[in-house]
Amino acid sequence: MILITPILLGLTISALSGVSKEIVDTATSLGASGFQTVLLVLREARYAVLAAVIMGFGRAISEVGCALMVGGNFKGFTRVLTTATYLEASKGELELAIALGIILLFLALIINIVLNRLQQR
């Protein structure tokens, strides 16, 4: 779940920023509360948010399994960060597995920040 959080956040923020400002202004001018306005924006972006959730779920399921099936897990040759995390956790090296997971989380976060900045241009 933690590894897909940056992806989910990036896609959800993109979906919500795609909702027209006029919708928010109209809801506010008609007397909608802040909570009602948030619900309206979520309703307008529901398909994009649902697509983000589905994409995050697919990534969570396929990340380790696909890397193990396609690349194997040979140290020094085909070991990737996700398979190394899985291997270390299964060996009981939880400190190293958590450190590798944090590195992977920061990589995903940095990529999402860069993509978000590029999208705002």
Protein backbone atom coordinates (compact mmCIF):
# COMPACT_ATOMS: atom_id res chain seq x y z
CA MET A 1 0.00 0.00 0.00
CA ILE A 2 2.76 2.45 0.84
CA LEU A 3 4.50 1.96 -2.50
CA ILE A 4 1.39 2.85 -4.49
CA THR A 5 0.47 5.89 -2.38
CA PRO A 6 2.51 8.38 -4.46
CA ILE A 7 0.96 7.05 -7.65
CA LEU A 8 -2.55 7.22 -6.22
CA LEU A 9 -1.97 10.74 -4.94
CA GLY A 10 -0.49 11.96 -8.21
CA LEU A 11 -3.30 10.57 -10.33
CA THR A 12 -6.01 11.71 -7.92
CA ILE A 13 -4.62 15.23 -7.73
CA SER A 14 -4.49 15.35 -11.53
CA ALA A 15 -8.09 14.16 -11.70
CA LEU A 16 -9.30 16.69 -9.15
CA SER A 17 -7.43 19.58 -10.75
CA GLY A 18 -9.14 18.72 -14.03
CA VAL A 19 -12.54 19.63 -12.58
CA SER A 20 -13.69 23.00 -13.87
CA LYS A 21 -13.31 25.96 -11.53
CA GLU A 22 -16.78 27.12 -12.58
CA ILE A 23 -18.31 24.09 -10.85
CA VAL A 24 -16.74 25.09 -7.53
CA ASP A 25 -17.73 28.73 -8.02
CA THR A 26 -21.30 27.80 -8.91
CA ALA A 27 -21.66 25.49 -5.91
CA THR A 28 -20.30 28.16 -3.59
CA SER A 29 -22.56 30.86 -5.03
CA LEU A 30 -25.58 28.59 -4.58
CA GLY A 31 -24.78 28.27 -0.88
CA ALA A 32 -23.11 24.85 -0.78
CA SER A 33 -20.97 24.20 2.27
CA GLY A 34 -17.31 23.27 1.96
CA PHE A 35 -18.12 19.61 2.49
CA GLN A 36 -20.86 19.68 -0.14
CA THR A 37 -18.47 21.33 -2.59
CA VAL A 38 -15.86 18.63 -1.96
CA LEU A 39 -18.48 15.94 -2.59
CA LEU A 40 -19.50 17.68 -5.82
CA VAL A 41 -15.90 17.86 -7.05
CA LEU A 42 -15.38 14.19 -6.17
CA ARG A 43 -18.56 13.29 -8.04
CA GLU A 44 -17.34 15.18 -11.12
CA ALA A 45 -13.94 13.43 -11.03
CA ARG A 46 -15.23 10.02 -9.95
CA TYR A 47 -14.20 8.13 -13.09
CA ALA A 48 -10.66 9.50 -13.06
CA VAL A 49 -10.33 8.77 -9.33
CA LEU A 50 -11.66 5.25 -9.90
CA ALA A 51 -9.11 4.78 -12.69
CA ALA A 52 -6.36 5.91 -10.29
CA VAL A 53 -7.48 3.38 -7.67
CA ILE A 54 -7.62 0.58 -10.24
CA MET A 55 -4.18 1.48 -11.56
CA GLY A 56 -2.74 1.53 -8.04
CA PHE A 57 -4.28 -1.85 -7.27
CA GLY A 58 -2.89 -3.34 -10.46
CA ARG A 59 0.55 -1.98 -9.72
CA ALA A 60 0.49 -3.35 -6.18
CA ILE A 61 -0.40 -6.82 -7.39
CA SER A 62 1.98 -6.98 -10.34
CA GLU A 63 5.07 -5.24 -9.00
CA VAL A 64 6.91 -8.08 -7.30
CA GLY A 65 5.36 -11.00 -9.16
CA CYS A 66 6.18 -9.63 -12.60
CA ALA A 67 9.76 -8.81 -11.66
CA LEU A 68 10.30 -12.30 -10.26
CA MET A 69 8.75 -14.04 -13.29
CA VAL A 70 10.46 -12.02 -16.01
CA GLY A 71 13.81 -11.11 -14.54
CA GLY A 72 14.40 -13.76 -11.96
CA ASN A 73 16.25 -12.85 -8.82
CA PHE A 74 19.94 -13.38 -9.48
CA LYS A 75 22.15 -11.26 -7.23
CA GLY A 76 24.26 -8.87 -9.25
CA PHE A 77 22.44 -9.57 -12.52
CA THR A 78 18.66 -9.24 -12.44
CA ARG A 79 17.77 -8.28 -8.89
CA VAL A 80 15.63 -5.17 -8.78
CA LEU A 81 14.62 -3.09 -5.79
CA THR A 82 11.23 -4.75 -5.33
CA THR A 83 12.57 -8.29 -5.45
CA ALA A 84 15.43 -7.37 -3.13
CA THR A 85 12.89 -5.96 -0.65
CA TYR A 86 10.82 -9.13 -0.87
CA LEU A 87 13.88 -11.37 -0.47
CA GLU A 88 15.22 -9.49 2.55
CA ALA A 89 11.81 -9.49 4.24
CA SER A 90 11.40 -13.22 3.67
CA LYS A 91 14.88 -13.84 5.17
CA GLY A 92 13.92 -11.88 8.27
CA GLU A 93 16.13 -8.87 7.54
CA LEU A 94 13.33 -6.44 8.28
CA GLU A 95 15.56 -3.40 8.81
CA LEU A 96 17.10 -3.76 5.36
CA ALA A 97 13.72 -4.52 3.79
CA ILE A 98 12.21 -1.39 5.34
CA ALA A 99 15.17 0.70 4.19
CA LEU A 100 14.80 -0.60 0.64
CA GLY A 101 11.06 0.09 0.77
CA ILE A 102 11.68 3.66 1.91
CA ILE A 103 14.11 4.18 -0.95
CA LEU A 104 11.53 2.86 -3.39
CA LEU A 105 8.88 5.11 -1.86
CA PHE A 106 11.07 8.19 -2.23
CA LEU A 107 11.87 7.31 -5.84
CA ALA A 108 8.17 7.06 -6.66
CA LEU A 109 7.47 10.30 -4.80
CA ILE A 110 10.20 12.20 -6.66
CA ILE A 111 8.94 10.93 -10.01
CA ASN A 112 5.40 12.01 -9.17
CA ILE A 113 6.57 15.47 -8.05
CA VAL A 114 8.50 15.95 -11.29
CA LEU A 115 5.54 14.80 -13.38
CA ASN A 116 3.21 17.07 -11.43
CA ARG A 117 5.49 20.07 -12.05
CA LEU A 118 5.69 19.26 -15.75
CA GLN A 119 1.92 18.91 -15.92
CA GLN A 120 1.38 22.35 -14.36
CA ARG A 121 3.29 24.09 -17.19
